[in-house]
Amino acid sequence: MTPSEDPPETQRGEEPADWGAGDGVTVVDPRSLRRAVAAAGVGNAVEWFDYSIFSFLAVTLGAVFFPGDPSSQVLATFGTFAAALAVRPLGGVVFGSLGDRIGRQKVLAATMILMAAGSFAIGLLPSYATFGVGASLATVGADPFSERPAVSRMK
């Protein structure tokens, strides 16, 4: 079908099976498209919510988990956040290829569990006053798991 031709008539607004066939155009079901766009929007909102909560709590997290003056505590907190963001591409490569082999739905569920476990572990960590430098190291170790290692790369 050429671009100047009208699509064949259909009943009740259904797309014809041959519409766009052979011309490199992929016809997408509008309902599926709306669902995908809504899911992407919700995922983006959760991501930005996570960033904003972390930013609001940076001073408190720095005081609890890192030694030194307030400036170095906040810098250490944001350094932990930066380290977690730096490993995201690695998570995308590892979990993306794993998703290709065993199924994206299974890998998505596994990464969601890893994220929840990382966030839960950070919530259970003792403070620097209690555990010393171990609290700082444990925070740096657990934070990459709470940073959505592969969800943003699962396409």
N, C-alpha and C. Protein backbone atom coordinates (compact mmCIF):
# COMPACT_ATOMS: atom_id res chain seq x y z
N MET A 1 0.86 -1.17 0.00
CA MET A 1 0.00 0.00 0.00
C MET A 1 0.90 1.22 0.00
N THR A 2 0.62 2.17 -0.85
CA THR A 2 1.42 3.39 -0.91
C THR A 2 0.84 4.40 0.07
N PRO A 3 1.66 5.41 0.46
CA PRO A 3 1.16 6.40 1.43
C PRO A 3 -0.06 7.17 0.96
N SER A 4 -0.26 7.30 -0.36
CA SER A 4 -1.40 8.07 -0.85
C SER A 4 -2.71 7.29 -0.81
N GLU A 5 -2.62 5.96 -0.69
CA GLU A 5 -3.83 5.15 -0.65
C GLU A 5 -4.47 5.20 0.72
N ASP A 6 -5.78 5.10 0.73
CA ASP A 6 -6.49 5.02 2.00
C ASP A 6 -6.40 3.59 2.50
N PRO A 7 -6.37 3.39 3.83
CA PRO A 7 -6.35 2.02 4.34
C PRO A 7 -7.66 1.32 4.02
N PRO A 8 -7.62 0.00 3.90
CA PRO A 8 -8.86 -0.74 3.62
C PRO A 8 -9.88 -0.53 4.73
N GLU A 9 -11.13 -0.62 4.36
CA GLU A 9 -12.20 -0.47 5.34
C GLU A 9 -12.18 -1.60 6.34
N THR A 10 -12.49 -1.30 7.57
CA THR A 10 -12.55 -2.31 8.62
C THR A 10 -13.83 -2.14 9.40
N GLN A 11 -14.14 -3.14 10.20
CA GLN A 11 -15.31 -3.06 11.05
C GLN A 11 -14.89 -2.68 12.45
N ARG A 12 -15.65 -1.80 13.08
CA ARG A 12 -15.45 -1.36 14.46
C ARG A 12 -14.04 -0.83 14.73
N GLY A 13 -13.42 -0.18 13.78
CA GLY A 13 -12.13 0.45 14.00
C GLY A 13 -10.96 -0.50 14.13
N GLU A 14 -11.13 -1.76 13.73
CA GLU A 14 -10.02 -2.71 13.81
C GLU A 14 -9.02 -2.43 12.70
N GLU A 15 -7.73 -2.68 13.00
CA GLU A 15 -6.70 -2.51 11.99
C GLU A 15 -6.70 -3.73 11.08
N PRO A 16 -6.62 -3.53 9.77
CA PRO A 16 -6.54 -4.67 8.86
C PRO A 16 -5.21 -5.38 9.02
N ALA A 17 -5.20 -6.69 8.75
CA ALA A 17 -4.00 -7.50 8.94
C ALA A 17 -2.89 -7.08 8.00
N ASP A 18 -3.23 -6.62 6.77
CA ASP A 18 -2.19 -6.29 5.80
C ASP A 18 -1.81 -4.82 5.79
N TRP A 19 -2.38 -4.04 6.67
CA TRP A 19 -2.11 -2.60 6.67
C TRP A 19 -0.68 -2.36 7.11
N GLY A 20 0.12 -1.78 6.29
CA GLY A 20 1.51 -1.51 6.60
C GLY A 20 2.42 -2.68 6.30
N ALA A 21 1.88 -3.79 5.79
CA ALA A 21 2.72 -4.95 5.53
C ALA A 21 3.62 -4.68 4.33
N GLY A 22 4.89 -4.98 4.49
CA GLY A 22 5.82 -4.87 3.39
C GLY A 22 6.44 -3.50 3.20
N ASP A 23 5.97 -2.48 3.87
CA ASP A 23 6.56 -1.16 3.68
C ASP A 23 7.41 -0.71 4.87
N GLY A 24 7.75 -1.63 5.78
CA GLY A 24 8.63 -1.32 6.90
C GLY A 24 7.95 -0.60 8.04
N VAL A 25 6.64 -0.51 8.04
CA VAL A 25 5.91 0.16 9.09
C VAL A 25 5.34 -0.88 10.04
N THR A 26 5.56 -0.67 11.31
CA THR A 26 5.01 -1.57 12.31
C THR A 26 3.76 -0.93 12.91
N VAL A 27 2.67 -1.63 12.83
CA VAL A 27 1.43 -1.14 13.39
C VAL A 27 1.35 -1.59 14.84
N VAL A 28 1.10 -0.64 15.72
CA VAL A 28 1.05 -0.93 17.15
C VAL A 28 -0.38 -0.78 17.63
N ASP A 29 -0.80 -1.73 18.43
CA ASP A 29 -2.13 -1.66 19.02
C ASP A 29 -2.18 -0.45 19.94
N PRO A 30 -3.13 0.47 19.74
CA PRO A 30 -3.19 1.68 20.58
C PRO A 30 -3.31 1.37 22.07
N ARG A 31 -4.02 0.30 22.42
CA ARG A 31 -4.16 -0.06 23.83
C ARG A 31 -2.81 -0.48 24.43
N SER A 32 -2.05 -1.27 23.67
CA SER A 32 -0.72 -1.67 24.13
C SER A 32 0.21 -0.48 24.24
N LEU A 33 0.10 0.44 23.29
CA LEU A 33 0.93 1.64 23.32
C LEU A 33 0.62 2.49 24.55
N ARG A 34 -0.66 2.69 24.85
CA ARG A 34 -1.04 3.47 26.04
C ARG A 34 -0.53 2.81 27.31
N ARG A 35 -0.63 1.49 27.36
CA ARG A 35 -0.17 0.75 28.53
C ARG A 35 1.35 0.88 28.71
N ALA A 36 2.09 0.79 27.62
CA ALA A 36 3.54 0.92 27.68
C ALA A 36 3.96 2.33 28.09
N VAL A 37 3.29 3.33 27.55
CA VAL A 37 3.60 4.71 27.90
C VAL A 37 3.27 4.98 29.37
N ALA A 38 2.14 4.45 29.84
CA ALA A 38 1.77 4.62 31.26
C ALA A 38 2.79 3.93 32.17
N ALA A 39 3.22 2.73 31.81
CA ALA A 39 4.21 2.01 32.62
C ALA A 39 5.53 2.76 32.64
N ALA A 40 5.95 3.31 31.51
CA ALA A 40 7.18 4.09 31.47
C ALA A 40 7.06 5.35 32.32
N GLY A 41 5.90 5.97 32.28
CA GLY A 41 5.68 7.17 33.10
C GLY A 41 5.73 6.87 34.59
N VAL A 42 5.10 5.77 34.98
CA VAL A 42 5.13 5.38 36.40
C VAL A 42 6.56 5.05 36.83
N GLY A 43 7.29 4.32 36.00
CA GLY A 43 8.68 3.99 36.31
C GLY A 43 9.54 5.23 36.44
N ASN A 44 9.34 6.19 35.56
CA ASN A 44 10.08 7.44 35.62
C ASN A 44 9.73 8.22 36.88
N ALA A 45 8.46 8.25 37.25
CA ALA A 45 8.04 8.96 38.46
C ALA A 45 8.66 8.32 39.71
N VAL A 46 8.69 7.00 39.76
CA VAL A 46 9.30 6.31 40.90
C VAL A 46 10.79 6.61 40.97
N GLU A 47 11.45 6.63 39.82
CA GLU A 47 12.88 6.93 39.76
C GLU A 47 13.17 8.33 40.31
N TRP A 48 12.41 9.31 39.85
CA TRP A 48 12.62 10.67 40.33
C TRP A 48 12.22 10.83 41.80
N PHE A 49 11.23 10.09 42.23
CA PHE A 49 10.88 10.09 43.65
C PHE A 49 12.06 9.57 44.47
N ASP A 50 12.68 8.49 44.00
CA ASP A 50 13.84 7.93 44.67
C ASP A 50 14.97 8.96 44.75
N TYR A 51 15.25 9.64 43.64
CA TYR A 51 16.30 10.66 43.64
C TYR A 51 15.99 11.79 44.61
N SER A 52 14.74 12.24 44.61
CA SER A 52 14.40 13.37 45.49
C SER A 52 14.46 12.98 46.96
N ILE A 53 14.00 11.79 47.31
CA ILE A 53 14.08 11.34 48.70
C ILE A 53 15.54 11.24 49.13
N PHE A 54 16.38 10.67 48.27
CA PHE A 54 17.80 10.56 48.60
C PHE A 54 18.41 11.94 48.80
N SER A 55 18.06 12.89 47.93
CA SER A 55 18.59 14.25 48.06
C SER A 55 18.11 14.93 49.34
N PHE A 56 16.85 14.76 49.69
CA PHE A 56 16.33 15.36 50.91
C PHE A 56 16.99 14.76 52.15
N LEU A 57 17.34 13.48 52.09
CA LEU A 57 17.92 12.80 53.24
C LEU A 57 19.45 12.76 53.23
N ALA A 58 20.09 13.41 52.27
CA ALA A 58 21.55 13.33 52.14
C ALA A 58 22.26 13.81 53.39
N VAL A 59 21.81 14.88 53.98
CA VAL A 59 22.46 15.41 55.19
C VAL A 59 22.30 14.43 56.35
N THR A 60 21.11 13.88 56.51
CA THR A 60 20.87 12.92 57.60
C THR A 60 21.66 11.64 57.36
N LEU A 61 21.64 11.11 56.14
CA LEU A 61 22.40 9.90 55.83
C LEU A 61 23.89 10.12 56.06
N GLY A 62 24.40 11.29 55.68
CA GLY A 62 25.81 11.60 55.90
C GLY A 62 26.17 11.62 57.37
N ALA A 63 25.31 12.23 58.18
CA ALA A 63 25.58 12.31 59.62
C ALA A 63 25.51 10.93 60.28
N VAL A 64 24.66 10.05 59.78
CA VAL A 64 24.50 8.73 60.39
C VAL A 64 25.61 7.77 59.96
N PHE A 65 26.00 7.79 58.69
CA PHE A 65 26.88 6.74 58.17
C PHE A 65 28.33 7.16 57.94
N PHE A 66 28.65 8.44 57.92
CA PHE A 66 30.00 8.87 57.58
C PHE A 66 30.57 9.80 58.63
N PRO A 67 31.91 9.69 58.89
CA PRO A 67 32.55 10.55 59.89
C PRO A 67 32.93 11.90 59.29
N GLY A 68 33.36 12.83 60.15
CA GLY A 68 33.89 14.11 59.69
C GLY A 68 32.92 15.24 59.85
N ASP A 69 33.30 16.35 59.21
CA ASP A 69 32.46 17.55 59.27
C ASP A 69 31.27 17.39 58.33
N PRO A 70 30.25 18.22 58.51
CA PRO A 70 29.03 18.08 57.69
C PRO A 70 29.27 18.12 56.18
N SER A 71 30.22 18.93 55.73
CA SER A 71 30.47 19.01 54.28
C SER A 71 31.00 17.69 53.74
N SER A 72 31.96 17.10 54.44
CA SER A 72 32.51 15.83 53.97
C SER A 72 31.49 14.70 54.09
N GLN A 73 30.60 14.78 55.07
CA GLN A 73 29.55 13.76 55.21
C GLN A 73 28.61 13.78 54.01
N VAL A 74 28.21 14.99 53.61
CA VAL A 74 27.30 15.12 52.46
C VAL A 74 28.02 14.69 51.18
N LEU A 75 29.28 15.07 51.03
CA LEU A 75 30.04 14.65 49.86
C LEU A 75 30.20 13.13 49.81
N ALA A 76 30.42 12.50 50.95
CA ALA A 76 30.52 11.04 50.99
C ALA A 76 29.18 10.40 50.62
N THR A 77 28.10 10.99 51.07
CA THR A 77 26.78 10.46 50.74
C THR A 77 26.52 10.55 49.24
N PHE A 78 26.82 11.70 48.66
CA PHE A 78 26.62 11.84 47.22
C PHE A 78 27.63 11.01 46.43
N GLY A 79 28.82 10.78 46.98
CA GLY A 79 29.78 9.88 46.36
C GLY A 79 29.25 8.45 46.31
N THR A 80 28.59 8.04 47.38
CA THR A 80 27.97 6.71 47.41
C THR A 80 26.89 6.61 46.34
N PHE A 81 26.11 7.66 46.21
CA PHE A 81 25.06 7.70 45.20
C PHE A 81 25.68 7.65 43.80
N ALA A 82 26.77 8.39 43.59
CA ALA A 82 27.44 8.40 42.28
C ALA A 82 28.03 7.03 41.96
N ALA A 83 28.60 6.37 42.96
CA ALA A 83 29.16 5.03 42.73
C ALA A 83 28.06 4.06 42.33
N ALA A 84 26.91 4.19 42.97
CA ALA A 84 25.79 3.32 42.62
C ALA A 84 25.32 3.58 41.19
N LEU A 85 25.29 4.84 40.77
CA LEU A 85 24.89 5.15 39.40
C LEU A 85 25.94 4.69 38.40
N ALA A 86 27.21 4.68 38.81
CA ALA A 86 28.28 4.27 37.91
C ALA A 86 28.20 2.78 37.58
N VAL A 87 27.68 1.97 38.47
CA VAL A 87 27.60 0.52 38.20
C VAL A 87 26.31 0.13 37.47
N ARG A 88 25.42 1.07 37.24
CA ARG A 88 24.18 0.75 36.55
C ARG A 88 24.38 0.17 35.16
N PRO A 89 25.29 0.72 34.35
CA PRO A 89 25.49 0.10 33.03
C PRO A 89 25.97 -1.35 33.14
N LEU A 90 26.78 -1.64 34.13
CA LEU A 90 27.22 -3.02 34.33
C LEU A 90 26.02 -3.92 34.65
N GLY A 91 25.14 -3.43 35.50
CA GLY A 91 23.92 -4.18 35.80
C GLY A 91 23.05 -4.36 34.56
N GLY A 92 23.01 -3.32 33.72
CA GLY A 92 22.25 -3.43 32.48
C GLY A 92 22.81 -4.50 31.54
N VAL A 93 24.14 -4.57 31.46
CA VAL A 93 24.77 -5.57 30.60
C VAL A 93 24.52 -6.97 31.16
N VAL A 94 24.77 -7.14 32.45
CA VAL A 94 24.63 -8.47 33.07
C VAL A 94 23.17 -8.93 33.04
N PHE A 95 22.28 -8.10 33.56
CA PHE A 95 20.89 -8.52 33.65
C PHE A 95 20.18 -8.47 32.30
N GLY A 96 20.62 -7.61 31.39
CA GLY A 96 20.04 -7.59 30.06
C GLY A 96 20.32 -8.87 29.29
N SER A 97 21.58 -9.32 29.36
CA SER A 97 21.90 -10.57 28.67
C SER A 97 21.24 -11.76 29.37
N LEU A 98 21.15 -11.69 30.68
CA LEU A 98 20.46 -12.75 31.41
C LEU A 98 18.98 -12.78 31.03
N GLY A 99 18.39 -11.61 30.86
CA GLY A 99 17.00 -11.52 30.44
C GLY A 99 16.77 -12.09 29.06
N ASP A 100 17.76 -11.93 28.17
CA ASP A 100 17.64 -12.52 26.84
C ASP A 100 17.66 -14.04 26.89
N ARG A 101 18.40 -14.59 27.86
CA ARG A 101 18.54 -16.04 27.94
C ARG A 101 17.40 -16.72 28.70
N ILE A 102 17.00 -16.17 29.86
CA ILE A 102 16.01 -16.87 30.68
C ILE A 102 14.65 -16.19 30.71
N GLY A 103 14.55 -15.02 30.12
CA GLY A 103 13.27 -14.33 30.07
C GLY A 103 13.31 -13.03 30.86
N ARG A 104 12.82 -11.99 30.24
CA ARG A 104 12.88 -10.66 30.86
C ARG A 104 11.97 -10.54 32.08
N GLN A 105 10.87 -11.24 32.07
CA GLN A 105 9.95 -11.14 33.20
C GLN A 105 10.60 -11.71 34.46
N LYS A 106 11.29 -12.82 34.35
CA LYS A 106 11.97 -13.42 35.50
C LYS A 106 13.09 -12.51 36.01
N VAL A 107 13.84 -11.95 35.07
CA VAL A 107 14.95 -11.08 35.46
C VAL A 107 14.43 -9.78 36.06
N LEU A 108 13.36 -9.26 35.53
CA LEU A 108 12.76 -8.05 36.09
C LEU A 108 12.31 -8.30 37.53
N ALA A 109 11.68 -9.45 37.77
CA ALA A 109 11.27 -9.80 39.13
C ALA A 109 12.48 -9.94 40.05
N ALA A 110 13.55 -10.55 39.55
CA ALA A 110 14.76 -10.72 40.36
C ALA A 110 15.39 -9.37 40.69
N THR A 111 15.43 -8.45 39.73
CA THR A 111 16.02 -7.13 40.02
C THR A 111 15.15 -6.34 40.98
N MET A 112 13.84 -6.51 40.90
CA MET A 112 12.97 -5.83 41.86
C MET A 112 13.23 -6.34 43.28
N ILE A 113 13.44 -7.65 43.40
CA ILE A 113 13.75 -8.22 44.71
C ILE A 113 15.10 -7.73 45.20
N LEU A 114 16.10 -7.66 44.30
CA LEU A 114 17.41 -7.13 44.68
C LEU A 114 17.33 -5.68 45.14
N MET A 115 16.53 -4.88 44.45
CA MET A 115 16.37 -3.48 44.85
C MET A 115 15.74 -3.38 46.23
N ALA A 116 14.70 -4.15 46.45
CA ALA A 116 14.05 -4.13 47.76
C ALA A 116 14.99 -4.61 48.85
N ALA A 117 15.78 -5.64 48.56
CA ALA A 117 16.73 -6.16 49.55
C ALA A 117 17.81 -5.13 49.86
N GLY A 118 18.30 -4.42 48.84
CA GLY A 118 19.30 -3.38 49.06
C GLY A 118 18.76 -2.24 49.90
N SER A 119 17.56 -1.80 49.60
CA SER A 119 16.94 -0.73 50.40
C SER A 119 16.68 -1.18 51.82
N PHE A 120 16.22 -2.42 51.98
CA PHE A 120 15.96 -2.98 53.30
C PHE A 120 17.26 -3.09 54.10
N ALA A 121 18.34 -3.51 53.44
CA ALA A 121 19.63 -3.64 54.11
C ALA A 121 20.14 -2.28 54.59
N ILE A 122 19.97 -1.24 53.78
CA ILE A 122 20.40 0.10 54.20
C ILE A 122 19.59 0.54 55.41
N GLY A 123 18.31 0.20 55.43
CA GLY A 123 17.48 0.56 56.59
C GLY A 123 17.88 -0.16 57.85
N LEU A 124 18.49 -1.33 57.75
CA LEU A 124 18.90 -2.10 58.92
C LEU A 124 20.33 -1.81 59.39
N LEU A 125 21.09 -1.06 58.60
CA LEU A 125 22.50 -0.83 58.95
C LEU A 125 22.63 -0.01 60.23
N PRO A 126 23.62 -0.37 61.06
CA PRO A 126 23.89 0.45 62.25
C PRO A 126 24.59 1.74 61.84
N SER A 127 24.62 2.70 62.74
CA SER A 127 25.23 3.98 62.44
C SER A 127 26.75 3.90 62.54
N TYR A 128 27.40 4.98 62.12
CA TYR A 128 28.86 5.06 62.23
C TYR A 128 29.29 5.03 63.69
N ALA A 129 28.51 5.65 64.56
CA ALA A 129 28.84 5.67 65.99
C ALA A 129 28.81 4.26 66.58
N THR A 130 28.00 3.39 66.04
CA THR A 130 27.87 2.02 66.55
C THR A 130 28.86 1.06 65.89
N PHE A 131 28.99 1.14 64.57
CA PHE A 131 29.72 0.13 63.81
C PHE A 131 31.02 0.66 63.20
N GLY A 132 31.28 1.94 63.32
CA GLY A 132 32.51 2.53 62.80
C GLY A 132 32.53 2.56 61.28
N VAL A 133 33.71 2.37 60.72
CA VAL A 133 33.87 2.44 59.28
C VAL A 133 33.11 1.33 58.57
N GLY A 134 32.77 0.27 59.27
CA GLY A 134 31.97 -0.81 58.69
C GLY A 134 30.62 -0.32 58.22
N ALA A 135 30.04 0.64 58.93
CA ALA A 135 28.74 1.20 58.50
C ALA A 135 28.89 1.92 57.17
N SER A 136 29.98 2.67 57.01
CA SER A 136 30.21 3.38 55.74
C SER A 136 30.41 2.39 54.61
N LEU A 137 31.22 1.37 54.85
CA LEU A 137 31.48 0.38 53.81
C LEU A 137 30.23 -0.42 53.46
N ALA A 138 29.43 -0.75 54.45
CA ALA A 138 28.20 -1.49 54.20
C ALA A 138 27.20 -0.64 53.41
N THR A 139 27.18 0.66 53.68
CA THR A 139 26.31 1.57 52.93
C THR A 139 26.73 1.61 51.47
N VAL A 140 28.03 1.74 51.24
CA VAL A 140 28.54 1.77 49.86
C VAL A 140 28.27 0.43 49.17
N GLY A 141 28.34 -0.67 49.91
CA GLY A 141 28.10 -1.99 49.34
C GLY A 141 26.64 -2.27 49.04
N ALA A 142 25.74 -1.77 49.86
CA ALA A 142 24.32 -2.06 49.68
C ALA A 142 23.63 -1.09 48.73
N ASP A 143 24.15 0.12 48.60
CA ASP A 143 23.47 1.14 47.80
C ASP A 143 23.34 0.78 46.33
N PRO A 144 24.33 0.18 45.67
CA PRO A 144 24.12 -0.14 44.25
C PRO A 144 22.93 -1.07 44.00
N PHE A 145 22.61 -1.92 44.95
CA PHE A 145 21.46 -2.82 44.77
C PHE A 145 20.14 -2.08 44.90
N SER A 146 20.15 -0.96 45.61
CA SER A 146 18.91 -0.20 45.76
C SER A 146 18.74 0.81 44.63
N GLU A 147 19.66 0.85 43.69
CA GLU A 147 19.61 1.84 42.62
C GLU A 147 19.08 1.29 41.30
N ARG A 148 18.21 0.30 41.35
CA ARG A 148 17.59 -0.24 40.16
C ARG A 148 18.63 -0.67 39.13
N PRO A 149 19.34 -1.75 39.39
CA PRO A 149 20.46 -2.13 38.56
C PRO A 149 20.13 -2.44 37.10
N ALA A 150 18.98 -2.94 36.82
CA ALA A 150 18.71 -3.31 35.43
C ALA A 150 17.35 -2.89 34.95
N VAL A 151 16.50 -2.42 35.82
CA VAL A 151 15.13 -2.13 35.41
C VAL A 151 15.12 -1.06 34.32
N SER A 152 15.97 -0.04 34.46
CA SER A 152 15.95 1.01 33.46
C SER A 152 16.56 0.55 32.15
N ARG A 153 17.25 -0.58 32.13
CA ARG A 153 17.87 -1.08 30.93
C ARG A 153 17.07 -2.22 30.29
N MET A 154 15.98 -2.63 30.90
CA MET A 154 15.19 -3.75 30.39
C MET A 154 14.21 -3.23 29.33
N LYS A 155 14.62 -3.27 28.09
CA LYS A 155 13.75 -2.75 27.03
C LYS A 155 13.37 -3.84 26.09
